[in-house]
Amino acid sequence: MGMLAVLAALPGAALAASGERSTATGHASATVVEPIVLTHTDGAALRFGTIVSGESVSVAIDANGTARASVTGAQMPGSATTADQFHVTGGNERSFAIITSRGTVHSAANSIAFETQPSAPSAESKTGGGATFSVGGSMTLSGREPPGSYRGEYIATIAYD
């Protein structure tokens, strides 16, 4: 069997005689998914609780809402602590990254910086496209912060992996 006969027998081979053209068809594909959307859960907040002023103390709130303080008695008994909550909608069973920023709480001219920590660095949307995650955090007080109601914000960002 000659060389041309062998090449002609190969599937998809497009042969051309000297000086002629040969063409073949290529293939393409695309997958379109819903945009990923992050919403804050109504009424949720990262709450560090009620902290007694006058002592240097670090307070941490786990992503499940459990509080730890570096000084016993620094948090008032019955102090409400919670992790923050977010909801994600988008494509079914799609992986996404979670990033949260630092923040600052303020009372008049006074401020306290805090760090945040999402419940996981990434997650996957469930069938139906939904997912949730929580955010904990930590703050350190010097003991010189005046009493007051401190409030602030931070940024949560998600992106498909």
Protein backbone atom coordinates (compact mmCIF):
# COMPACT_ATOMS: atom_id res chain seq x y z
CA MET A 1 0.00 0.00 0.00
CA GLY A 2 1.44 3.34 -1.05
CA MET A 3 2.08 6.24 1.35
CA LEU A 4 -0.89 8.23 -0.02
CA ALA A 5 -3.20 5.27 0.48
CA VAL A 6 -2.10 4.99 4.13
CA LEU A 7 -2.62 8.70 4.77
CA ALA A 8 -5.97 8.68 2.99
CA ALA A 9 -7.12 5.89 5.31
CA LEU A 10 -6.46 8.00 8.43
CA PRO A 11 -9.68 9.53 9.79
CA GLY A 12 -9.80 13.30 9.63
CA ALA A 13 -6.79 13.54 7.32
CA ALA A 14 -7.15 16.22 4.70
CA LEU A 15 -4.79 15.54 1.81
CA ALA A 16 -3.92 17.84 -1.03
CA ALA A 17 -2.02 17.24 -4.19
CA SER A 18 0.90 19.52 -4.90
CA GLY A 19 -0.33 23.07 -5.45
CA GLU A 20 -3.90 22.39 -4.20
CA ARG A 21 -5.50 23.50 -0.94
CA SER A 22 -6.77 21.38 1.91
CA THR A 23 -9.10 22.41 4.73
CA ALA A 24 -10.42 20.77 7.89
CA THR A 25 -13.07 21.82 10.37
CA GLY A 26 -12.08 22.72 13.95
CA HIS A 27 -14.29 22.49 17.02
CA ALA A 28 -15.11 25.03 19.74
CA SER A 29 -17.20 25.03 22.90
CA ALA A 30 -18.28 27.38 25.67
CA THR A 31 -20.06 27.00 28.99
CA VAL A 32 -22.12 29.90 30.29
CA VAL A 33 -22.91 30.09 34.01
CA GLU A 34 -24.94 32.47 36.10
CA PRO A 35 -23.01 35.39 37.58
CA ILE A 36 -21.86 34.85 41.14
CA VAL A 37 -23.68 37.16 43.59
CA LEU A 38 -22.86 37.78 47.26
CA THR A 39 -25.49 39.09 49.68
CA HIS A 40 -25.22 39.84 53.38
CA THR A 41 -27.69 37.98 55.59
CA ASP A 42 -30.23 40.44 57.05
CA GLY A 43 -29.65 41.11 60.75
CA ALA A 44 -26.33 39.22 60.88
CA ALA A 45 -23.15 40.91 62.16
CA LEU A 46 -19.73 40.09 63.51
CA ARG A 47 -20.40 40.90 67.18
CA PHE A 48 -17.43 40.98 69.53
CA GLY A 49 -19.73 41.36 72.54
CA THR A 50 -19.58 43.69 75.51
CA ILE A 51 -16.01 44.16 76.69
CA VAL A 52 -14.96 45.75 79.98
CA SER A 53 -12.66 48.75 79.37
CA GLY A 54 -9.43 49.38 81.19
CA GLU A 55 -7.49 46.21 80.40
CA SER A 56 -5.44 45.06 77.46
CA VAL A 57 -7.43 42.18 75.97
CA SER A 58 -7.70 40.24 72.73
CA VAL A 59 -11.12 38.96 71.73
CA ALA A 60 -11.66 36.39 68.99
CA ILE A 61 -14.95 35.19 67.52
CA ASP A 62 -14.76 31.86 65.67
CA ALA A 63 -16.64 31.50 62.39
CA ASN A 64 -19.26 29.54 64.37
CA GLY A 65 -19.77 32.49 66.77
CA THR A 66 -17.85 31.14 69.79
CA ALA A 67 -15.92 33.84 71.68
CA ARG A 68 -12.49 33.61 73.33
CA ALA A 69 -10.89 36.41 75.34
CA SER A 70 -7.26 36.56 76.46
CA VAL A 71 -8.28 37.96 79.86
CA THR A 72 -10.83 36.16 82.05
CA GLY A 73 -13.77 38.42 82.82
CA ALA A 74 -12.99 40.82 79.99
CA GLN A 75 -16.36 40.08 78.40
CA MET A 76 -19.52 40.82 80.34
CA PRO A 77 -21.49 37.72 81.40
CA GLY A 78 -24.23 36.98 78.86
CA SER A 79 -22.46 39.08 76.25
CA ALA A 80 -23.89 38.39 72.77
CA THR A 81 -21.23 37.31 70.30
CA THR A 82 -21.93 36.13 66.76
CA ALA A 83 -20.17 35.45 63.49
CA ASP A 84 -21.37 37.32 60.43
CA GLN A 85 -23.28 35.47 57.67
CA PHE A 86 -23.35 35.71 53.87
CA HIS A 87 -25.27 33.96 51.08
CA VAL A 88 -23.94 33.18 47.61
CA THR A 89 -25.95 32.52 44.45
CA GLY A 90 -24.60 31.56 41.07
CA GLY A 91 -23.80 28.55 38.94
CA ASN A 92 -24.55 25.02 40.14
CA GLU A 93 -21.69 23.18 41.82
CA ARG A 94 -19.12 25.89 41.08
CA SER A 95 -16.09 26.51 43.28
CA PHE A 96 -15.42 30.06 44.50
CA ALA A 97 -12.80 31.84 46.62
CA ILE A 98 -13.71 33.89 49.72
CA ILE A 99 -11.66 36.88 50.85
CA THR A 100 -12.48 39.22 53.74
CA SER A 101 -10.73 42.48 54.62
CA ARG A 102 -9.63 44.06 57.85
CA GLY A 103 -12.00 46.56 59.39
CA THR A 104 -12.34 49.25 62.00
CA VAL A 105 -15.10 49.97 64.49
CA HIS A 106 -15.65 53.58 65.59
CA SER A 107 -17.28 55.43 68.48
CA ALA A 108 -17.10 59.19 67.98
CA ALA A 109 -13.41 59.95 67.31
CA ASN A 110 -12.22 56.62 68.77
CA SER A 111 -11.53 53.49 66.74
CA ILE A 112 -10.47 49.87 67.16
CA ALA A 113 -9.05 47.80 64.27
CA PHE A 114 -10.06 44.19 63.76
CA GLU A 115 -9.13 41.24 61.56
CA THR A 116 -11.64 38.94 59.85
CA GLN A 117 -11.52 35.27 58.98
CA PRO A 118 -14.05 33.50 56.70
CA SER A 119 -15.24 30.02 57.68
CA ALA A 120 -13.20 28.68 54.73
CA PRO A 121 -10.92 30.18 52.06
CA SER A 122 -13.13 28.67 49.36
CA ALA A 123 -16.43 26.85 48.96
CA GLU A 124 -18.65 25.28 46.31
CA SER A 125 -22.20 26.18 45.41
CA LYS A 126 -24.70 23.38 45.82
CA THR A 127 -27.09 22.04 43.21
CA GLY A 128 -29.46 24.94 42.71
CA GLY A 129 -26.53 27.38 42.89
CA GLY A 130 -26.66 28.42 46.56
CA ALA A 131 -24.07 28.46 49.35
CA THR A 132 -23.51 30.22 52.67
CA PHE A 133 -20.45 31.09 54.72
CA SER A 134 -19.73 32.84 57.99
CA VAL A 135 -17.05 35.29 59.09
CA GLY A 136 -15.37 35.44 62.48
CA GLY A 137 -12.71 37.86 63.59
CA SER A 138 -10.39 39.15 66.28
CA MET A 139 -9.56 42.49 67.86
CA THR A 140 -7.09 43.65 70.46
CA LEU A 141 -7.90 46.45 72.89
CA SER A 142 -5.09 48.39 74.58
CA GLY A 143 -7.15 49.15 77.69
CA ARG A 144 -7.24 52.86 76.84
CA GLU A 145 -10.38 52.77 74.67
CA PRO A 146 -13.13 54.88 76.20
CA PRO A 147 -16.53 53.28 76.80
CA GLY A 148 -18.96 53.61 73.91
CA SER A 149 -20.87 51.75 71.23
CA TYR A 150 -18.37 50.95 68.46
CA ARG A 151 -19.62 50.14 64.94
CA GLY A 152 -17.87 49.61 61.63
CA GLU A 153 -17.62 47.61 58.45
CA TYR A 154 -15.39 45.33 56.42
CA ILE A 155 -15.51 43.94 52.89
CA ALA A 156 -16.27 40.35 51.84
CA THR A 157 -15.39 39.36 48.27
CA ILE A 158 -16.06 36.16 46.30
CA ALA A 159 -14.92 35.05 42.87
CA TYR A 160 -15.28 31.87 40.83
CA ASP A 161 -12.13 29.74 40.94
